N, C-alpha and C. Protein backbone atom coordinates (compact mmCIF):
# COMPACT_ATOMS: atom_id res chain seq x y z
N MET A 1 193.56 127.31 40.86
CA MET A 1 192.77 126.17 40.45
C MET A 1 193.60 125.33 39.49
N GLU A 2 193.53 124.03 39.66
CA GLU A 2 194.23 123.07 38.80
C GLU A 2 193.22 122.42 37.85
N LEU A 3 193.39 122.67 36.55
CA LEU A 3 192.50 122.09 35.55
C LEU A 3 193.22 120.98 34.79
N LEU A 4 192.47 119.94 34.47
CA LEU A 4 192.98 118.86 33.63
C LEU A 4 192.18 118.88 32.33
N VAL A 5 192.90 118.97 31.20
CA VAL A 5 192.24 119.01 29.89
C VAL A 5 192.80 117.89 29.03
N PRO A 6 192.02 116.82 28.84
CA PRO A 6 192.46 115.74 27.95
C PRO A 6 192.52 116.24 26.50
N ILE A 7 193.61 115.88 25.82
CA ILE A 7 193.87 116.36 24.47
C ILE A 7 194.05 115.18 23.51
N ASP A 8 193.39 115.28 22.37
CA ASP A 8 193.67 114.39 21.24
C ASP A 8 193.60 115.28 20.01
N ASP A 9 193.50 114.69 18.83
CA ASP A 9 193.52 115.51 17.62
C ASP A 9 192.14 115.94 17.15
N SER A 10 191.15 115.88 18.03
CA SER A 10 189.78 116.24 17.65
C SER A 10 189.51 117.73 17.83
N ASP A 11 188.54 118.20 17.09
CA ASP A 11 188.12 119.60 17.22
C ASP A 11 187.52 119.85 18.60
N THR A 12 186.84 118.85 19.15
CA THR A 12 186.21 119.06 20.46
C THR A 12 187.25 119.15 21.58
N ALA A 13 188.37 118.46 21.43
CA ALA A 13 189.44 118.58 22.42
C ALA A 13 190.03 119.98 22.37
N ARG A 14 190.21 120.50 21.17
CA ARG A 14 190.70 121.88 21.02
C ARG A 14 189.70 122.87 21.62
N ALA A 15 188.41 122.63 21.37
CA ALA A 15 187.37 123.50 21.93
C ALA A 15 187.40 123.46 23.46
N ALA A 16 187.65 122.28 24.03
CA ALA A 16 187.74 122.15 25.49
C ALA A 16 188.92 122.95 26.02
N LEU A 17 190.05 122.89 25.34
CA LEU A 17 191.22 123.66 25.77
C LEU A 17 190.94 125.16 25.66
N GLU A 18 190.34 125.57 24.56
CA GLU A 18 189.99 126.98 24.40
C GLU A 18 189.03 127.44 25.50
N HIS A 19 188.06 126.61 25.81
CA HIS A 19 187.11 126.92 26.89
C HIS A 19 187.86 127.07 28.22
N ALA A 20 188.76 126.14 28.48
CA ALA A 20 189.49 126.17 29.75
C ALA A 20 190.31 127.45 29.91
N VAL A 21 191.03 127.83 28.87
CA VAL A 21 191.87 129.03 29.00
C VAL A 21 191.04 130.31 29.02
N ARG A 22 189.91 130.29 28.33
CA ARG A 22 189.05 131.48 28.29
C ARG A 22 188.27 131.65 29.60
N GLU A 23 187.71 130.57 30.11
CA GLU A 23 186.86 130.65 31.30
C GLU A 23 187.62 130.60 32.62
N HIS A 24 188.85 130.11 32.58
CA HIS A 24 189.66 129.99 33.81
C HIS A 24 191.06 130.56 33.55
N PRO A 25 191.16 131.86 33.29
CA PRO A 25 192.44 132.44 32.88
C PRO A 25 193.54 132.35 33.95
N ASP A 26 193.16 132.22 35.20
CA ASP A 26 194.16 132.16 36.27
C ASP A 26 194.50 130.73 36.68
N ALA A 27 193.89 129.76 36.03
CA ALA A 27 194.11 128.36 36.40
C ALA A 27 195.43 127.85 35.84
N SER A 28 195.95 126.86 36.51
CA SER A 28 197.09 126.11 35.99
C SER A 28 196.52 124.90 35.25
N ILE A 29 196.85 124.78 33.97
CA ILE A 29 196.26 123.75 33.13
C ILE A 29 197.26 122.63 32.87
N THR A 30 196.79 121.41 33.05
CA THR A 30 197.57 120.25 32.64
C THR A 30 196.85 119.65 31.45
N ALA A 31 197.54 119.65 30.31
CA ALA A 31 197.01 119.00 29.10
C ALA A 31 197.51 117.56 29.13
N ILE A 32 196.58 116.61 29.12
CA ILE A 32 196.94 115.21 29.22
C ILE A 32 196.53 114.49 27.93
N HIS A 33 197.43 113.66 27.45
CA HIS A 33 197.13 112.85 26.27
C HIS A 33 197.28 111.39 26.67
N ALA A 34 196.21 110.63 26.49
CA ALA A 34 196.22 109.22 26.84
C ALA A 34 196.44 108.39 25.58
N ILE A 35 197.45 107.57 25.63
CA ILE A 35 197.75 106.65 24.53
C ILE A 35 197.14 105.29 24.87
N ASP A 36 196.20 104.86 24.05
CA ASP A 36 195.57 103.56 24.25
C ASP A 36 196.23 102.58 23.28
N PRO A 37 197.17 101.77 23.76
CA PRO A 37 197.89 100.87 22.86
C PRO A 37 197.04 99.73 22.33
N SER A 38 195.84 99.56 22.85
CA SER A 38 194.99 98.47 22.37
C SER A 38 194.25 98.84 21.09
N VAL A 39 194.32 100.10 20.70
CA VAL A 39 193.65 100.56 19.49
C VAL A 39 194.70 101.16 18.57
N SER A 40 194.72 100.70 17.35
CA SER A 40 195.70 101.23 16.42
C SER A 40 195.37 102.68 16.09
N LYS A 41 196.35 103.39 15.66
CA LYS A 41 196.22 104.79 15.28
C LYS A 41 195.16 104.96 14.19
N TYR A 42 194.93 103.90 13.45
CA TYR A 42 194.00 103.96 12.32
C TYR A 42 192.64 103.37 12.67
N GLY A 43 192.42 103.06 13.94
CA GLY A 43 191.12 102.61 14.39
C GLY A 43 190.79 101.16 14.08
N ASP A 44 191.78 100.35 13.67
CA ASP A 44 191.46 98.97 13.30
C ASP A 44 191.60 97.99 14.45
N GLY A 45 191.99 98.48 15.64
CA GLY A 45 192.02 97.62 16.80
C GLY A 45 193.22 96.70 16.91
N GLY A 46 194.17 96.80 16.02
CA GLY A 46 195.29 95.87 16.05
C GLY A 46 196.55 96.46 16.66
N ILE A 47 197.30 95.62 17.32
CA ILE A 47 198.61 95.99 17.82
C ILE A 47 199.61 95.09 17.11
N TYR A 48 200.51 95.70 16.40
CA TYR A 48 201.44 94.91 15.61
C TYR A 48 202.84 94.93 16.19
N ALA A 49 203.26 96.05 16.68
CA ALA A 49 204.58 96.18 17.28
C ALA A 49 204.45 97.22 18.38
N TYR A 50 204.24 96.75 19.60
CA TYR A 50 203.91 97.61 20.72
C TYR A 50 204.86 98.80 20.86
N GLU A 51 206.15 98.53 20.84
CA GLU A 51 207.12 99.61 21.04
C GLU A 51 207.05 100.65 19.93
N SER A 52 206.93 100.22 18.69
CA SER A 52 206.87 101.20 17.60
C SER A 52 205.56 101.97 17.63
N VAL A 53 204.47 101.31 18.03
CA VAL A 53 203.19 102.01 18.17
C VAL A 53 203.30 103.07 19.24
N LEU A 54 203.86 102.69 20.37
CA LEU A 54 204.02 103.62 21.48
C LEU A 54 204.90 104.81 21.08
N GLU A 55 205.99 104.54 20.42
CA GLU A 55 206.90 105.60 19.98
C GLU A 55 206.19 106.55 19.02
N SER A 56 205.46 106.01 18.07
CA SER A 56 204.74 106.82 17.10
C SER A 56 203.69 107.69 17.79
N ARG A 57 202.98 107.10 18.74
CA ARG A 57 201.94 107.85 19.46
C ARG A 57 202.55 108.95 20.33
N GLN A 58 203.74 108.70 20.89
CA GLN A 58 204.39 109.73 21.68
C GLN A 58 204.83 110.90 20.80
N GLU A 59 205.24 110.61 19.59
CA GLU A 59 205.57 111.67 18.64
C GLU A 59 204.33 112.47 18.28
N ASP A 60 203.21 111.78 18.09
CA ASP A 60 201.94 112.47 17.83
C ASP A 60 201.57 113.37 19.01
N ALA A 61 201.78 112.88 20.22
CA ALA A 61 201.47 113.67 21.42
C ALA A 61 202.31 114.93 21.47
N ALA A 62 203.58 114.83 21.09
CA ALA A 62 204.45 116.01 21.07
C ALA A 62 203.89 117.07 20.12
N ASP A 63 203.38 116.64 18.97
CA ASP A 63 202.76 117.58 18.04
C ASP A 63 201.52 118.23 18.65
N LEU A 64 200.71 117.44 19.34
CA LEU A 64 199.53 117.99 19.99
C LEU A 64 199.92 119.02 21.04
N PHE A 65 200.97 118.73 21.79
CA PHE A 65 201.39 119.64 22.85
C PHE A 65 201.97 120.95 22.29
N GLU A 66 202.50 120.93 21.07
CA GLU A 66 202.92 122.17 20.43
C GLU A 66 201.71 123.07 20.20
N ASP A 67 200.62 122.46 19.77
CA ASP A 67 199.38 123.22 19.58
C ASP A 67 198.87 123.77 20.91
N VAL A 68 198.97 122.98 21.97
CA VAL A 68 198.57 123.43 23.31
C VAL A 68 199.39 124.65 23.70
N ALA A 69 200.69 124.59 23.50
CA ALA A 69 201.57 125.70 23.87
C ALA A 69 201.16 126.98 23.16
N GLU A 70 200.87 126.88 21.87
CA GLU A 70 200.47 128.06 21.11
C GLU A 70 199.15 128.64 21.63
N LEU A 71 198.17 127.78 21.83
CA LEU A 71 196.87 128.26 22.26
C LEU A 71 196.93 128.88 23.65
N VAL A 72 197.61 128.23 24.58
CA VAL A 72 197.70 128.76 25.94
C VAL A 72 198.52 130.05 25.95
N ALA A 73 199.57 130.11 25.16
CA ALA A 73 200.40 131.32 25.11
C ALA A 73 199.59 132.52 24.61
N ASP A 74 198.67 132.28 23.69
CA ASP A 74 197.80 133.35 23.19
C ASP A 74 196.94 133.96 24.30
N HIS A 75 196.73 133.21 25.37
CA HIS A 75 195.90 133.67 26.49
C HIS A 75 196.72 133.95 27.75
N ASP A 76 198.04 133.95 27.62
CA ASP A 76 198.94 134.21 28.75
C ASP A 76 198.72 133.26 29.92
N GLY A 77 198.36 132.02 29.63
CA GLY A 77 198.12 131.04 30.68
C GLY A 77 199.34 130.20 30.99
N THR A 78 199.24 129.45 32.06
CA THR A 78 200.31 128.52 32.42
C THR A 78 199.81 127.10 32.22
N TYR A 79 200.72 126.22 31.83
CA TYR A 79 200.31 124.85 31.55
C TYR A 79 201.48 123.90 31.73
N THR A 80 201.12 122.63 31.89
CA THR A 80 202.07 121.53 31.83
C THR A 80 201.44 120.47 30.93
N THR A 81 202.24 119.53 30.50
CA THR A 81 201.72 118.45 29.67
C THR A 81 202.08 117.11 30.29
N GLU A 82 201.26 116.14 29.98
CA GLU A 82 201.47 114.79 30.51
C GLU A 82 200.96 113.79 29.49
N THR A 83 201.73 112.73 29.27
CA THR A 83 201.30 111.63 28.43
C THR A 83 201.20 110.39 29.31
N VAL A 84 200.07 109.70 29.20
CA VAL A 84 199.86 108.47 29.96
C VAL A 84 199.50 107.35 28.98
N VAL A 85 199.71 106.12 29.40
CA VAL A 85 199.43 104.98 28.54
C VAL A 85 198.40 104.09 29.23
N GLY A 86 197.33 103.78 28.51
CA GLY A 86 196.30 102.91 29.05
C GLY A 86 194.93 103.34 28.55
N ASP A 87 193.91 102.78 29.15
CA ASP A 87 192.54 103.15 28.82
C ASP A 87 192.35 104.63 29.11
N PRO A 88 191.98 105.44 28.10
CA PRO A 88 191.93 106.89 28.30
C PRO A 88 191.08 107.34 29.48
N ALA A 89 189.85 106.88 29.60
CA ALA A 89 188.99 107.33 30.69
C ALA A 89 189.59 106.96 32.04
N ARG A 90 190.07 105.75 32.16
CA ARG A 90 190.66 105.30 33.42
C ARG A 90 191.90 106.13 33.77
N GLU A 91 192.74 106.40 32.79
CA GLU A 91 193.96 107.16 33.04
C GLU A 91 193.68 108.61 33.40
N ILE A 92 192.68 109.21 32.75
CA ILE A 92 192.31 110.60 33.05
C ILE A 92 191.80 110.71 34.48
N VAL A 93 190.92 109.81 34.87
CA VAL A 93 190.38 109.82 36.23
C VAL A 93 191.48 109.57 37.25
N ALA A 94 192.35 108.61 37.00
CA ALA A 94 193.44 108.31 37.93
C ALA A 94 194.37 109.52 38.08
N TYR A 95 194.67 110.17 36.97
CA TYR A 95 195.55 111.35 37.04
C TYR A 95 194.90 112.44 37.88
N ALA A 96 193.62 112.69 37.66
CA ALA A 96 192.91 113.71 38.44
C ALA A 96 192.94 113.36 39.92
N ASP A 97 192.75 112.11 40.23
CA ASP A 97 192.73 111.66 41.62
C ASP A 97 194.10 111.77 42.28
N ASP A 98 195.14 111.46 41.52
CA ASP A 98 196.50 111.42 42.08
C ASP A 98 197.21 112.77 42.13
N HIS A 99 196.70 113.79 41.41
CA HIS A 99 197.43 115.04 41.28
C HIS A 99 196.67 116.28 41.73
N ASP A 100 195.75 116.14 42.64
CA ASP A 100 195.03 117.28 43.20
C ASP A 100 194.41 118.19 42.15
N ILE A 101 193.81 117.59 41.14
CA ILE A 101 193.12 118.34 40.11
C ILE A 101 191.78 118.82 40.68
N ASP A 102 191.42 120.07 40.39
CA ASP A 102 190.17 120.64 40.89
C ASP A 102 189.00 120.47 39.91
N HIS A 103 189.32 120.36 38.61
CA HIS A 103 188.26 120.36 37.61
C HIS A 103 188.80 119.75 36.32
N ILE A 104 187.97 119.01 35.61
CA ILE A 104 188.34 118.44 34.31
C ILE A 104 187.48 119.12 33.25
N VAL A 105 188.11 119.54 32.16
CA VAL A 105 187.39 120.10 31.02
C VAL A 105 187.72 119.20 29.83
N ILE A 106 186.69 118.54 29.29
CA ILE A 106 186.92 117.52 28.27
C ILE A 106 185.98 117.74 27.08
N GLY A 107 186.48 117.45 25.91
CA GLY A 107 185.66 117.54 24.70
C GLY A 107 184.81 116.31 24.53
N SER A 108 183.66 116.50 23.91
CA SER A 108 182.76 115.38 23.62
C SER A 108 182.83 115.07 22.14
N ARG A 109 182.92 113.82 21.81
CA ARG A 109 182.95 113.43 20.41
C ARG A 109 181.57 113.48 19.77
N GLY A 110 180.53 113.51 20.59
CA GLY A 110 179.18 113.62 20.04
C GLY A 110 178.66 112.35 19.41
N ARG A 111 179.07 111.20 19.90
CA ARG A 111 178.53 109.95 19.36
C ARG A 111 177.04 109.88 19.64
N SER A 112 176.34 109.18 18.80
CA SER A 112 174.91 108.99 19.03
C SER A 112 174.53 107.58 18.61
N GLY A 113 173.32 107.22 18.94
CA GLY A 113 172.78 105.94 18.50
C GLY A 113 173.50 104.75 19.08
N ALA A 114 173.62 103.70 18.27
CA ALA A 114 174.17 102.43 18.72
C ALA A 114 175.61 102.56 19.18
N LYS A 115 176.43 103.36 18.51
CA LYS A 115 177.82 103.50 18.93
C LYS A 115 177.91 104.02 20.35
N ARG A 116 177.07 105.00 20.70
CA ARG A 116 177.11 105.57 22.04
C ARG A 116 176.67 104.53 23.06
N VAL A 117 175.62 103.79 22.74
CA VAL A 117 175.11 102.78 23.66
C VAL A 117 176.12 101.66 23.84
N LEU A 118 176.70 101.18 22.76
CA LEU A 118 177.61 100.05 22.83
C LEU A 118 178.99 100.42 23.36
N LEU A 119 179.51 101.55 22.92
CA LEU A 119 180.88 101.90 23.25
C LEU A 119 180.98 102.88 24.41
N GLY A 120 179.95 103.68 24.61
CA GLY A 120 180.06 104.77 25.56
C GLY A 120 181.04 105.77 25.00
N SER A 121 181.38 106.76 25.74
CA SER A 121 182.39 107.71 25.29
C SER A 121 183.36 107.93 26.42
N VAL A 122 184.55 108.36 26.06
CA VAL A 122 185.54 108.66 27.09
C VAL A 122 184.99 109.72 28.03
N ALA A 123 184.40 110.78 27.46
CA ALA A 123 183.87 111.86 28.29
C ALA A 123 182.80 111.33 29.26
N GLU A 124 181.92 110.50 28.75
CA GLU A 124 180.86 109.96 29.60
C GLU A 124 181.43 109.12 30.74
N ARG A 125 182.42 108.30 30.43
CA ARG A 125 183.03 107.46 31.47
C ARG A 125 183.80 108.31 32.48
N VAL A 126 184.42 109.38 32.01
CA VAL A 126 185.12 110.29 32.93
C VAL A 126 184.12 110.95 33.87
N VAL A 127 183.01 111.42 33.32
CA VAL A 127 181.98 112.06 34.15
C VAL A 127 181.51 111.12 35.24
N ARG A 128 181.27 109.87 34.89
CA ARG A 128 180.76 108.91 35.87
C ARG A 128 181.76 108.59 36.97
N ARG A 129 183.05 108.64 36.66
CA ARG A 129 184.07 108.16 37.61
C ARG A 129 184.92 109.25 38.24
N ALA A 130 184.87 110.45 37.73
CA ALA A 130 185.79 111.49 38.19
C ALA A 130 185.53 111.90 39.64
N PRO A 131 186.62 112.16 40.37
CA PRO A 131 186.48 112.60 41.76
C PRO A 131 186.27 114.11 41.87
N VAL A 132 186.20 114.80 40.72
CA VAL A 132 186.06 116.26 40.69
C VAL A 132 185.00 116.64 39.65
N PRO A 133 184.55 117.89 39.66
CA PRO A 133 183.59 118.32 38.64
C PRO A 133 184.18 118.21 37.23
N VAL A 134 183.31 117.93 36.26
CA VAL A 134 183.73 117.78 34.87
C VAL A 134 182.84 118.66 33.99
N THR A 135 183.48 119.42 33.11
CA THR A 135 182.77 120.20 32.11
C THR A 135 183.00 119.53 30.77
N ILE A 136 181.92 119.24 30.04
CA ILE A 136 182.02 118.66 28.71
C ILE A 136 181.75 119.75 27.69
N VAL A 137 182.67 119.89 26.74
CA VAL A 137 182.57 120.94 25.72
C VAL A 137 182.32 120.27 24.38
N ARG A 138 181.38 120.81 23.61
CA ARG A 138 181.09 120.29 22.27
C ARG A 138 181.74 121.16 21.22
């Protein structure tokens, strides 16, 4: 089984990865990190120097993937990593569609109220558009 696990620096993304390795020990896991250059690392929505933002975010992704390696190694699992650039939900769905992914395991940020209605969530958009089953982990 091929699992896709979107990774960011949130606790719910880590919980999703832990769920994936625990519940699917024989699966091949691809940890994917989507870099959205339209949103600054600090959440202010600004892009000041595209190349430096991209470079900084790729360095952050490398740190995230070190954590992935440790967690998966603790469970004797196999994994690969992938970094994509663009709208996170769109890139996750496209990757699943293009790479014969069988299942997506994604963390939920747990937004509520107006933010959820106005912004939606990456997990929610992935669920609506994914060509494969999706498990949302809190």
